[in-house]
Amino acid sequence: MIEVYGIKNCDSVKKALKFFKAHELEYRLFDFKTENLPCEKITKWLHQTEIKTLFNARSTTYRNLKLKELNLDEKEQAAWLCKENLLIKRPVVEFNGDVLVGFNEETYKRSFL
């Protein structure tokens, strides 16, 4: 089954879910606003992708927490991902051991169809 991590009202998550529904692909949504993501999951993702791919330095949460002023290194960014799941770029999709970050229709077509 396809595991989708994000929040329901995120535009990129909505696009991913619409894609899965349109192609009749079964998925489960893990909502960061209603479920707490274990740090072990984030650590696993960081073994499969880069911190700059996973850490959303353009998010409202990033700005509200004034993290730019802290000039975080990669280790500190990873720690913040564990503390504040809304700093994770969305959606994160797990399928067959792979991890995709963000929504790109062409990538989704190659990966899921």
PDB file of N, CA and C in Angstrom:
ATOM      1  N   MET A   1       0.831  -1.185   0.000  1.00  0.00           N
ATOM      2  CA  MET A   1       0.000   0.000   0.000  1.00  0.00           C
ATOM      3  C   MET A   1       0.877   1.249   0.000  1.00  0.00           C
ATOM      4  N   ILE A   2       0.393   2.295  -0.621  1.00  0.00           N
ATOM      5  CA  ILE A   2       1.083   3.575  -0.684  1.00  0.00           C
ATOM      6  C   ILE A   2       0.803   4.335   0.609  1.00  0.00           C
ATOM      7  N   GLU A   3       1.869   4.781   1.251  1.00  0.00           N
ATOM      8  CA  GLU A   3       1.741   5.585   2.475  1.00  0.00           C
ATOM      9  C   GLU A   3       2.050   7.032   2.113  1.00  0.00           C
ATOM     10  N   VAL A   4       1.112   7.921   2.402  1.00  0.00           N
ATOM     11  CA  VAL A   4       1.265   9.339   2.101  1.00  0.00           C
ATOM     12  C   VAL A   4       1.346  10.093   3.423  1.00  0.00           C
ATOM     13  N   TYR A   5       2.391  10.903   3.584  1.00  0.00           N
ATOM     14  CA  TYR A   5       2.599  11.675   4.806  1.00  0.00           C
ATOM     15  C   TYR A   5       2.481  13.152   4.476  1.00  0.00           C
ATOM     16  N   GLY A   6       1.652  13.863   5.247  1.00  0.00           N
ATOM     17  CA  GLY A   6       1.471  15.287   5.018  1.00  0.00           C
ATOM     18  C   GLY A   6       0.298  15.800   5.816  1.00  0.00           C
ATOM     19  N   ILE A   7      -0.343  16.846   5.308  1.00  0.00           N
ATOM     20  CA  ILE A   7      -1.558  17.364   5.922  1.00  0.00           C
ATOM     21  C   ILE A   7      -2.627  17.503   4.843  1.00  0.00           C
ATOM     22  N   LYS A   8      -3.872  17.273   5.238  1.00  0.00           N
ATOM     23  CA  LYS A   8      -4.975  17.224   4.281  1.00  0.00           C
ATOM     24  C   LYS A   8      -5.164  18.504   3.475  1.00  0.00           C
ATOM     25  N   ASN A   9      -4.903  19.659   4.085  1.00  0.00           N
ATOM     26  CA  ASN A   9      -5.186  20.916   3.382  1.00  0.00           C
ATOM     27  C   ASN A   9      -3.997  21.456   2.587  1.00  0.00           C
ATOM     28  N   CYS A  10      -2.906  20.701   2.487  1.00  0.00           N
ATOM     29  CA  CYS A  10      -1.739  21.098   1.693  1.00  0.00           C
ATOM     30  C   CYS A  10      -2.039  20.850   0.207  1.00  0.00           C
ATOM     31  N   ASP A  11      -1.778  21.859  -0.628  1.00  0.00           N
ATOM     32  CA  ASP A  11      -2.065  21.732  -2.060  1.00  0.00           C
ATOM     33  C   ASP A  11      -1.321  20.570  -2.714  1.00  0.00           C
ATOM     34  N   SER A  12      -0.059  20.375  -2.366  1.00  0.00           N
ATOM     35  CA  SER A  12       0.718  19.276  -2.955  1.00  0.00           C
ATOM     36  C   SER A  12       0.182  17.922  -2.517  1.00  0.00           C
ATOM     37  N   VAL A  13      -0.241  17.818  -1.271  1.00  0.00           N
ATOM     38  CA  VAL A  13      -0.840  16.567  -0.784  1.00  0.00           C
ATOM     39  C   VAL A  13      -2.151  16.320  -1.515  1.00  0.00           C
ATOM     40  N   LYS A  14      -2.954  17.352  -1.694  1.00  0.00           N
ATOM     41  CA  LYS A  14      -4.225  17.217  -2.422  1.00  0.00           C
ATOM     42  C   LYS A  14      -3.982  16.701  -3.840  1.00  0.00           C
ATOM     43  N   LYS A  15      -2.953  17.230  -4.506  1.00  0.00           N
ATOM     44  CA  LYS A  15      -2.624  16.782  -5.871  1.00  0.00           C
ATOM     45  C   LYS A  15      -2.226  15.312  -5.878  1.00  0.00           C
ATOM     46  N   ALA A  16      -1.426  14.899  -4.888  1.00  0.00           N
ATOM     47  CA  ALA A  16      -0.996  13.499  -4.812  1.00  0.00           C
ATOM     48  C   ALA A  16      -2.201  12.584  -4.585  1.00  0.00           C
ATOM     49  N   LEU A  17      -3.069  12.958  -3.650  1.00  0.00           N
ATOM     50  CA  LEU A  17      -4.241  12.127  -3.364  1.00  0.00           C
ATOM     51  C   LEU A  17      -5.179  12.060  -4.566  1.00  0.00           C
ATOM     52  N   LYS A  18      -5.331  13.177  -5.269  1.00  0.00           N
ATOM     53  CA  LYS A  18      -6.154  13.194  -6.477  1.00  0.00           C
ATOM     54  C   LYS A  18      -5.575  12.253  -7.528  1.00  0.00           C
ATOM     55  N   PHE A  19      -4.252  12.259  -7.675  1.00  0.00           N
ATOM     56  CA  PHE A  19      -3.580  11.365  -8.615  1.00  0.00           C
ATOM     57  C   PHE A  19      -3.868   9.903  -8.254  1.00  0.00           C
ATOM     58  N   PHE A  20      -3.704   9.543  -6.976  1.00  0.00           N
ATOM     59  CA  PHE A  20      -3.934   8.157  -6.550  1.00  0.00           C
ATOM     60  C   PHE A  20      -5.389   7.741  -6.754  1.00  0.00           C
ATOM     61  N   LYS A  21      -6.318   8.634  -6.442  1.00  0.00           N
ATOM     62  CA  LYS A  21      -7.743   8.329  -6.639  1.00  0.00           C
ATOM     63  C   LYS A  21      -8.052   8.151  -8.123  1.00  0.00           C
ATOM     64  N   ALA A  22      -7.542   9.064  -8.962  1.00  0.00           N
ATOM     65  CA  ALA A  22      -7.806   9.011 -10.404  1.00  0.00           C
ATOM     66  C   ALA A  22      -7.299   7.715 -11.023  1.00  0.00           C
ATOM     67  N   HIS A  23      -6.236   7.163 -10.462  1.00  0.00           N
ATOM     68  CA  HIS A  23      -5.649   5.934 -11.004  1.00  0.00           C
ATOM     69  C   HIS A  23      -5.995   4.708 -10.164  1.00  0.00           C
ATOM     70  N   GLU A  24      -6.989   4.898  -9.271  1.00  0.00           N
ATOM     71  CA  GLU A  24      -7.504   3.802  -8.437  1.00  0.00           C
ATOM     72  C   GLU A  24      -6.394   3.074  -7.683  1.00  0.00           C
ATOM     73  N   LEU A  25      -5.481   3.861  -7.100  1.00  0.00           N
ATOM     74  CA  LEU A  25      -4.391   3.307  -6.313  1.00  0.00           C
ATOM     75  C   LEU A  25      -4.732   3.458  -4.832  1.00  0.00           C
ATOM     76  N   GLU A  26      -4.600   2.377  -4.099  1.00  0.00           N
ATOM     77  CA  GLU A  26      -4.930   2.385  -2.680  1.00  0.00           C
ATOM     78  C   GLU A  26      -3.821   3.078  -1.894  1.00  0.00           C
ATOM     79  N   TYR A  27      -4.215   3.966  -0.998  1.00  0.00           N
ATOM     80  CA  TYR A  27      -3.240   4.698  -0.194  1.00  0.00           C
ATOM     81  C   TYR A  27      -3.788   4.911   1.214  1.00  0.00           C
ATOM     82  N   ARG A  28      -2.888   5.282   2.097  1.00  0.00           N
ATOM     83  CA  ARG A  28      -3.252   5.670   3.455  1.00  0.00           C
ATOM     84  C   ARG A  28      -2.591   7.014   3.722  1.00  0.00           C
ATOM     85  N   LEU A  29      -3.351   7.976   4.259  1.00  0.00           N
ATOM     86  CA  LEU A  29      -2.812   9.289   4.594  1.00  0.00           C
ATOM     87  C   LEU A  29      -2.451   9.342   6.074  1.00  0.00           C
ATOM     88  N   PHE A  30      -1.211   9.685   6.345  1.00  0.00           N
ATOM     89  CA  PHE A  30      -0.730   9.934   7.702  1.00  0.00           C
ATOM     90  C   PHE A  30      -0.705  11.448   7.840  1.00  0.00           C
ATOM     91  N   ASP A  31      -1.621  11.994   8.641  1.00  0.00           N
ATOM     92  CA  ASP A  31      -1.776  13.441   8.769  1.00  0.00           C
ATOM     93  C   ASP A  31      -0.939  13.967   9.929  1.00  0.00           C
ATOM     94  N   PHE A  32       0.021  14.841   9.610  1.00  0.00           N
ATOM     95  CA  PHE A  32       0.904  15.406  10.629  1.00  0.00           C
ATOM     96  C   PHE A  32       0.145  16.191  11.696  1.00  0.00           C
ATOM     97  N   LYS A  33      -1.042  16.673  11.364  1.00  0.00           N
ATOM     98  CA  LYS A  33      -1.804  17.459  12.336  1.00  0.00           C
ATOM     99  C   LYS A  33      -2.545  16.581  13.341  1.00  0.00           C
ATOM    100  N   THR A  34      -2.788  15.326  12.993  1.00  0.00           N
ATOM    101  CA  THR A  34      -3.542  14.455  13.906  1.00  0.00           C
ATOM    102  C   THR A  34      -2.721  13.290  14.442  1.00  0.00           C
ATOM    103  N   GLU A  35      -1.581  13.022  13.823  1.00  0.00           N
ATOM    104  CA  GLU A  35      -0.727  11.913  14.258  1.00  0.00           C
ATOM    105  C   GLU A  35       0.699  12.419  14.449  1.00  0.00           C
ATOM    106  N   ASN A  36       1.382  11.886  15.450  1.00  0.00           N
ATOM    107  CA  ASN A  36       2.769  12.272  15.713  1.00  0.00           C
ATOM    108  C   ASN A  36       3.705  11.303  15.003  1.00  0.00           C
ATOM    109  N   LEU A  37       4.555  11.836  14.150  1.00  0.00           N
ATOM    110  CA  LEU A  37       5.486  11.017  13.382  1.00  0.00           C
ATOM    111  C   LEU A  37       6.710  10.699  14.230  1.00  0.00           C
ATOM    112  N   PRO A  38       7.035   9.427  14.404  1.00  0.00           N
ATOM    113  CA  PRO A  38       8.218   9.078  15.193  1.00  0.00           C
ATOM    114  C   PRO A  38       9.515   9.530  14.509  1.00  0.00           C
ATOM    115  N   CYS A  39      10.469   9.956  15.296  1.00  0.00           N
ATOM    116  CA  CYS A  39      11.751  10.428  14.771  1.00  0.00           C
ATOM    117  C   CYS A  39      12.466   9.321  13.982  1.00  0.00           C
ATOM    118  N   GLU A  40      12.249   8.075  14.351  1.00  0.00           N
ATOM    119  CA  GLU A  40      12.871   6.950  13.641  1.00  0.00           C
ATOM    120  C   GLU A  40      12.472   6.940  12.165  1.00  0.00           C
ATOM    121  N   LYS A  41      11.235   7.339  11.878  1.00  0.00           N
ATOM    122  CA  LYS A  41      10.759   7.385  10.492  1.00  0.00           C
ATOM    123  C   LYS A  41      11.528   8.465   9.717  1.00  0.00           C
ATOM    124  N   ILE A  42      11.716   9.616  10.331  1.00  0.00           N
ATOM    125  CA  ILE A  42      12.451  10.710   9.695  1.00  0.00           C
ATOM    126  C   ILE A  42      13.903  10.298   9.456  1.00  0.00           C
ATOM    127  N   THR A  43      14.508   9.644  10.427  1.00  0.00           N
ATOM    128  CA  THR A  43      15.885   9.161  10.289  1.00  0.00           C
ATOM    129  C   THR A  43      15.985   8.193   9.113  1.00  0.00           C
ATOM    130  N   LYS A  44      15.005   7.306   8.981  1.00  0.00           N
ATOM    131  CA  LYS A  44      14.976   6.360   7.857  1.00  0.00           C
ATOM    132  C   LYS A  44      14.895   7.114   6.529  1.00  0.00           C
ATOM    133  N   TRP A  45      14.022   8.109   6.465  1.00  0.00           N
ATOM    134  CA  TRP A  45      13.900   8.891   5.231  1.00  0.00           C
ATOM    135  C   TRP A  45      15.216   9.578   4.889  1.00  0.00           C
ATOM    136  N   LEU A  46      15.918  10.070   5.915  1.00  0.00           N
ATOM    137  CA  LEU A  46      17.171  10.780   5.671  1.00  0.00           C
ATOM    138  C   LEU A  46      18.272   9.859   5.164  1.00  0.00           C
ATOM    139  N   HIS A  47      18.087   8.556   5.313  1.00  0.00           N
ATOM    140  CA  HIS A  47      19.020   7.589   4.721  1.00  0.00           C
ATOM    141  C   HIS A  47      18.690   7.369   3.244  1.00  0.00           C
ATOM    142  N   GLN A  48      17.479   7.770   2.849  1.00  0.00           N
ATOM    143  CA  GLN A  48      17.029   7.562   1.474  1.00  0.00           C
ATOM    144  C   GLN A  48      16.983   8.842   0.643  1.00  0.00           C
ATOM    145  N   THR A  49      17.065   9.983   1.297  1.00  0.00           N
ATOM    146  CA  THR A  49      17.038  11.266   0.594  1.00  0.00           C
ATOM    147  C   THR A  49      17.884  12.264   1.373  1.00  0.00           C
ATOM    148  N   GLU A  50      18.114  13.410   0.806  1.00  0.00           N
ATOM    149  CA  GLU A  50      18.949  14.427   1.442  1.00  0.00           C
ATOM    150  C   GLU A  50      18.113  15.332   2.343  1.00  0.00           C
ATOM    151  N   ILE A  51      18.761  15.910   3.344  1.00  0.00           N
ATOM    152  CA  ILE A  51      18.073  16.826   4.259  1.00  0.00           C
ATOM    153  C   ILE A  51      17.494  18.011   3.491  1.00  0.00           C
ATOM    154  N   LYS A  52      18.204  18.507   2.469  1.00  0.00           N
ATOM    155  CA  LYS A  52      17.694  19.665   1.722  1.00  0.00           C
ATOM    156  C   LYS A  52      16.432  19.323   0.932  1.00  0.00           C
ATOM    157  N   THR A  53      16.229  18.048   0.645  1.00  0.00           N
ATOM    158  CA  THR A  53      15.010  17.610  -0.024  1.00  0.00           C
ATOM    159  C   THR A  53      13.863  17.523   0.975  1.00  0.00           C
ATOM    160  N   LEU A  54      14.144  17.101   2.184  1.00  0.00           N
ATOM    161  CA  LEU A  54      13.104  16.842   3.187  1.00  0.00           C
ATOM    162  C   LEU A  54      12.754  18.067   4.039  1.00  0.00           C
ATOM    163  N   PHE A  55      13.725  18.928   4.287  1.00  0.00           N
ATOM    164  CA  PHE A  55      13.515  20.084   5.179  1.00  0.00           C
ATOM    165  C   PHE A  55      12.943  21.255   4.387  1.00  0.00           C
ATOM    166  N   ASN A  56      11.769  21.737   4.792  1.00  0.00           N
ATOM    167  CA  ASN A  56      11.091  22.792   4.056  1.00  0.00           C
ATOM    168  C   ASN A  56      11.423  24.166   4.646  1.00  0.00           C
ATOM    169  N   ALA A  57      12.456  24.779   4.097  1.00  0.00           N
ATOM    170  CA  ALA A  57      12.895  26.103   4.562  1.00  0.00           C
ATOM    171  C   ALA A  57      12.038  27.230   3.975  1.00  0.00           C
ATOM    172  N   ARG A  58      11.011  26.886   3.223  1.00  0.00           N
ATOM    173  CA  ARG A  58      10.119  27.897   2.644  1.00  0.00           C
ATOM    174  C   ARG A  58       8.749  27.892   3.314  1.00  0.00           C
ATOM    175  N   SER A  59       8.588  27.066   4.340  1.00  0.00           N
ATOM    176  CA  SER A  59       7.271  26.920   4.963  1.00  0.00           C
ATOM    177  C   SER A  59       6.940  28.053   5.925  1.00  0.00           C
ATOM    178  N   THR A  60       5.664  28.214   6.180  1.00  0.00           N
ATOM    179  CA  THR A  60       5.190  29.175   7.172  1.00  0.00           C
ATOM    180  C   THR A  60       5.739  28.815   8.547  1.00  0.00           C
ATOM    181  N   THR A  61       5.784  27.538   8.857  1.00  0.00           N
ATOM    182  CA  THR A  61       6.305  27.079  10.150  1.00  0.00           C
ATOM    183  C   THR A  61       7.755  27.513  10.313  1.00  0.00           C
ATOM    184  N   TYR A  62       8.553  27.354   9.270  1.00  0.00           N
ATOM    185  CA  TYR A  62       9.963  27.763   9.295  1.00  0.00           C
ATOM    186  C   TYR A  62      10.087  29.263   9.602  1.00  0.00           C
ATOM    187  N   ARG A  63       9.265  30.052   8.921  1.00  0.00           N
ATOM    188  CA  ARG A  63       9.292  31.500   9.140  1.00  0.00           C
ATOM    189  C   ARG A  63       8.799  31.864  10.542  1.00  0.00           C
ATOM    190  N   ASN A  64       7.706  31.246  10.976  1.00  0.00           N
ATOM    191  CA  ASN A  64       7.144  31.554  12.298  1.00  0.00           C
ATOM    192  C   ASN A  64       8.101  31.206  13.432  1.00  0.00           C
ATOM    193  N   LEU A  65       8.865  30.145  13.266  1.00  0.00           N
ATOM    194  CA  LEU A  65       9.829  29.735  14.288  1.00  0.00           C
ATOM    195  C   LEU A  65      11.145  30.517  14.193  1.00  0.00           C
ATOM    196  N   LYS A  66      11.246  31.357  13.153  1.00  0.00           N
ATOM    197  CA  LYS A  66      12.448  32.183  12.926  1.00  0.00           C
ATOM    198  C   LYS A  66      13.725  31.334  12.863  1.00  0.00           C
ATOM    199  N   LEU A  67      13.621  30.199  12.179  1.00  0.00           N
ATOM    200  CA  LEU A  67      14.751  29.276  12.096  1.00  0.00           C
ATOM    201  C   LEU A  67      15.871  29.789  11.186  1.00  0.00           C
ATOM    202  N   LYS A  68      15.533  30.648  10.251  1.00  0.00           N
ATOM    203  CA  LYS A  68      16.575  31.184   9.367  1.00  0.00           C
ATOM    204  C   LYS A  68      17.641  31.909  10.187  1.00  0.00           C
ATOM    205  N   GLU A  69      17.213  32.602  11.225  1.00  0.00           N
ATOM    206  CA  GLU A  69      18.131  33.353  12.080  1.00  0.00           C
ATOM    207  C   GLU A  69      19.115  32.443  12.810  1.00  0.00           C
ATOM    208  N   LEU A  70      18.733  31.172  12.993  1.00  0.00           N
ATOM    209  CA  LEU A  70      19.585  30.230  13.724  1.00  0.00           C
ATOM    210  C   LEU A  70      20.680  29.624  12.851  1.00  0.00           C
ATOM    211  N   ASN A  71      20.563  29.786  11.509  1.00  0.00           N
ATOM    212  CA  ASN A  71      21.555  29.245  10.575  1.00  0.00           C
ATOM    213  C   ASN A  71      21.868  27.774  10.893  1.00  0.00           C
ATOM    214  N   LEU A  72      20.839  26.946  10.851  1.00  0.00           N
ATOM    215  CA  LEU A  72      20.932  25.541  11.255  1.00  0.00           C
ATOM    216  C   LEU A  72      21.821  24.723  10.326  1.00  0.00           C
ATOM    217  N   ASP A  73      22.622  23.829  10.910  1.00  0.00           N
ATOM    218  CA  ASP A  73      23.358  22.868  10.091  1.00  0.00           C
ATOM    219  C   ASP A  73      22.439  21.656   9.848  1.00  0.00           C
ATOM    220  N   GLU A  74      22.894  20.684   9.082  1.00  0.00           N
ATOM    221  CA  GLU A  74      22.044  19.550   8.718  1.00  0.00           C
ATOM    222  C   GLU A  74      21.590  18.742   9.932  1.00  0.00           C
ATOM    223  N   LYS A  75      22.460  18.561  10.894  1.00  0.00           N
ATOM    224  CA  LYS A  75      22.104  17.808  12.099  1.00  0.00           C
ATOM    225  C   LYS A  75      21.006  18.539  12.880  1.00  0.00           C
ATOM    226  N   GLU A  76      21.127  19.848  12.980  1.00  0.00           N
ATOM    227  CA  GLU A  76      20.113  20.643  13.680  1.00  0.00           C
ATOM    228  C   GLU A  76      18.793  20.645  12.904  1.00  0.00           C
ATOM    229  N   GLN A  77      18.864  20.690  11.580  1.00  0.00           N
ATOM    230  CA  GLN A  77      17.648  20.625  10.773  1.00  0.00           C
ATOM    231  C   GLN A  77      16.929  19.300  11.004  1.00  0.00           C
ATOM    232  N   ALA A  78      17.678  18.198  11.041  1.00  0.00           N
ATOM    233  CA  ALA A  78      17.082  16.879  11.283  1.00  0.00           C
ATOM    234  C   ALA A  78      16.404  16.841  12.655  1.00  0.00           C
ATOM    235  N   ALA A  79      17.036  17.434  13.650  1.00  0.00           N
ATOM    236  CA  ALA A  79      16.442  17.483  14.990  1.00  0.00           C
ATOM    237  C   ALA A  79      15.137  18.275  14.969  1.00  0.00           C
ATOM    238  N   TRP A  80      15.108  19.371  14.222  1.00  0.00           N
ATOM    239  CA  TRP A  80      13.878  20.167  14.121  1.00  0.00           C
ATOM    240  C   TRP A  80      12.771  19.399  13.406  1.00  0.00           C
ATOM    241  N   LEU A  81      13.119  18.597  12.404  1.00  0.00           N
ATOM    242  CA  LEU A  81      12.100  17.786  11.725  1.00  0.00           C
ATOM    243  C   LEU A  81      11.403  16.868  12.719  1.00  0.00           C
ATOM    244  N   CYS A  82      12.165  16.336  13.660  1.00  0.00           N
ATOM    245  CA  CYS A  82      11.590  15.446  14.677  1.00  0.00           C
ATOM    246  C   CYS A  82      10.692  16.211  15.650  1.00  0.00           C
ATOM    247  N   LYS A  83      11.078  17.439  15.963  1.00  0.00           N
ATOM    248  CA  LYS A  83      10.302  18.257  16.908  1.00  0.00           C
ATOM    249  C   LYS A  83       9.058  18.856  16.273  1.00  0.00           C
ATOM    250  N   GLU A  84       9.177  19.221  15.010  1.00  0.00           N
ATOM    251  CA  GLU A  84       8.104  19.940  14.327  1.00  0.00           C
ATOM    252  C   GLU A  84       7.878  19.343  12.937  1.00  0.00           C
ATOM    253  N   ASN A  85       6.939  18.382  12.867  1.00  0.00           N
ATOM    254  CA  ASN A  85       6.682  17.664  11.618  1.00  0.00           C
ATOM    255  C   ASN A  85       6.240  18.565  10.467  1.00  0.00           C
ATOM    256  N   LEU A  86       5.696  19.733  10.771  1.00  0.00           N
ATOM    257  CA  LEU A  86       5.245  20.627   9.704  1.00  0.00           C
ATOM    258  C   LEU A  86       6.404  21.268   8.942  1.00  0.00           C
ATOM    259  N   LEU A  87       7.634  21.009   9.370  1.00  0.00           N
ATOM    260  CA  LEU A  87       8.815  21.462   8.621  1.00  0.00           C
ATOM    261  C   LEU A  87       9.186  20.484   7.501  1.00  0.00           C
ATOM    262  N   ILE A  88       8.510  19.350   7.442  1.00  0.00           N
ATOM    263  CA  ILE A  88       8.790  18.340   6.421  1.00  0.00           C
ATOM    264  C   ILE A  88       8.097  18.743   5.118  1.00  0.00           C
ATOM    265  N   LYS A  89       8.850  18.724   4.007  1.00  0.00           N
ATOM    266  CA  LYS A  89       8.243  18.988   2.700  1.00  0.00           C
ATOM    267  C   LYS A  89       7.184  17.935   2.443  1.00  0.00           C
ATOM    268  N   ARG A  90       6.107  18.354   1.805  1.00  0.00           N
ATOM    269  CA  ARG A  90       4.984  17.454   1.614  1.00  0.00           C
ATOM    270  C   ARG A  90       4.623  17.326   0.135  1.00  0.00           C
ATOM    271  N   PRO A  91       4.019  16.188  -0.180  1.00  0.00           N
ATOM    272  CA  PRO A  91       3.907  14.987   0.643  1.00  0.00           C
ATOM    273  C   PRO A  91       5.194  14.167   0.604  1.00  0.00           C
ATOM    274  N   VAL A  92       5.320  13.309   1.597  1.00  0.00           N
ATOM    275  CA  VAL A  92       6.337  12.261   1.557  1.00  0.00           C
ATOM    276  C   VAL A  92       5.557  10.983   1.266  1.00  0.00           C
ATOM    277  N   VAL A  93       5.973  10.256   0.249  1.00  0.00           N
ATOM    278  CA  VAL A  93       5.254   9.046  -0.165  1.00  0.00           C
ATOM    279  C   VAL A  93       6.201   7.862  -0.090  1.00  0.00           C
ATOM    280  N   GLU A  94       5.758   6.825   0.629  1.00  0.00           N
ATOM    281  CA  GLU A  94       6.517   5.570   0.709  1.00  0.00           C
ATOM    282  C   GLU A  94       5.780   4.509  -0.106  1.00  0.00           C
ATOM    283  N   PHE A  95       6.550   3.781  -0.921  1.00  0.00           N
ATOM    284  CA  PHE A  95       5.970   2.716  -1.736  1.00  0.00           C
ATOM    285  C   PHE A  95       7.085   1.772  -2.158  1.00  0.00           C
ATOM    286  N   ASN A  96       6.900   0.500  -1.856  1.00  0.00           N
ATOM    287  CA  ASN A  96       7.882  -0.530  -2.226  1.00  0.00           C
ATOM    288  C   ASN A  96       9.305  -0.187  -1.780  1.00  0.00           C
ATOM    289  N   GLY A  97       9.435   0.375  -0.602  1.00  0.00           N
ATOM    290  CA  GLY A  97      10.749   0.692  -0.058  1.00  0.00           C
ATOM    291  C   GLY A  97      11.348   2.002  -0.540  1.00  0.00           C
ATOM    292  N   ASP A  98      10.683   2.671  -1.471  1.00  0.00           N
ATOM    293  CA  ASP A  98      11.165   3.958  -1.980  1.00  0.00           C
ATOM    294  C   ASP A  98      10.480   5.116  -1.264  1.00  0.00           C
ATOM    295  N   VAL A  99      11.114   6.272  -1.314  1.00  0.00           N
ATOM    296  CA  VAL A  99      10.559   7.489  -0.733  1.00  0.00           C
ATOM    297  C   VAL A  99      10.585   8.588  -1.787  1.00  0.00           C
ATOM    298  N   LEU A 100       9.425   9.201  -2.019  1.00  0.00           N
ATOM    299  CA  LEU A 100       9.317  10.352  -2.913  1.00  0.00           C
ATOM    300  C   LEU A 100       8.902  11.551  -2.072  1.00  0.00           C
ATOM    301  N   VAL A 101       9.524  12.701  -2.318  1.00  0.00           N
ATOM    302  CA  VAL A 101       9.193  13.913  -1.572  1.00  0.00           C
ATOM    303  C   VAL A 101       8.660  14.949  -2.549  1.00  0.00           C
ATOM    304  N   GLY A 102       7.493  15.492  -2.230  1.00  0.00           N
ATOM    305  CA  GLY A 102       6.858  16.484  -3.086  1.00  0.00           C
ATOM    306  C   GLY A 102       5.981  15.809  -4.129  1.00  0.00           C
ATOM    307  N   PHE A 103       5.274  16.624  -4.902  1.00  0.00           N
ATOM    308  CA  PHE A 103       4.429  16.081  -5.963  1.00  0.00           C
ATOM    309  C   PHE A 103       4.958  16.519  -7.312  1.00  0.00           C
ATOM    310  N   ASN A 104       5.179  15.539  -8.176  1.00  0.00           N
ATOM    311  CA  ASN A 104       5.551  15.772  -9.562  1.00  0.00           C
ATOM    312  C   ASN A 104       4.820  14.703 -10.371  1.00  0.00           C
ATOM    313  N   GLU A 105       3.880  15.132 -11.184  1.00  0.00           N
ATOM    314  CA  GLU A 105       3.022  14.178 -11.893  1.00  0.00           C
ATOM    315  C   GLU A 105       3.812  13.191 -12.753  1.00  0.00           C
ATOM    316  N   GLU A 106       4.830  13.652 -13.455  1.00  0.00           N
ATOM    317  CA  GLU A 106       5.626  12.748 -14.295  1.00  0.00           C
ATOM    318  C   GLU A 106       6.346  11.691 -13.457  1.00  0.00           C
ATOM    319  N   THR A 107       6.905  12.111 -12.335  1.00  0.00           N
ATOM    320  CA  THR A 107       7.572  11.160 -11.437  1.00  0.00           C
ATOM    321  C   THR A 107       6.561  10.155 -10.897  1.00  0.00           C
ATOM    322  N   TYR A 108       5.375  10.629 -10.536  1.00  0.00           N
ATOM    323  CA  TYR A 108       4.336   9.736 -10.022  1.00  0.00           C
ATOM    324  C   TYR A 108       3.925   8.729 -11.105  1.00  0.00           C
ATOM    325  N   LYS A 109       3.771   9.188 -12.343  1.00  0.00           N
ATOM    326  CA  LYS A 109       3.401   8.273 -13.438  1.00  0.00           C
ATOM    327  C   LYS A 109       4.452   7.174 -13.595  1.00  0.00           C
ATOM    328  N   ARG A 110       5.741   7.557 -13.561  1.00  0.00           N
ATOM    329  CA  ARG A 110       6.807   6.568 -13.701  1.00  0.00           C
ATOM    330  C   ARG A 110       6.842   5.618 -12.503  1.00  0.00           C
ATOM    331  N   SER A 111       6.550   6.119 -11.330  1.00  0.00           N
ATOM    332  CA  SER A 111       6.675   5.311 -10.112  1.00  0.00           C
ATOM    333  C   SER A 111       5.470   4.423  -9.827  1.00  0.00           C
ATOM    334  N   PHE A 112       4.268   4.879 -10.190  1.00  0.00           N
ATOM    335  CA  PHE A 112       3.076   4.175  -9.743  1.00  0.00           C
ATOM    336  C   PHE A 112       2.244   3.552 -10.860  1.00  0.00           C
ATOM    337  N   LEU A 113       2.494   3.910 -12.123  1.00  0.00           N
ATOM    338  CA  LEU A 113       1.653   3.367 -13.199  1.00  0.00           C
ATOM    339  C   LEU A 113       2.406   2.360 -14.047  1.00  0.00           C
TER     340      LEU A 113
END
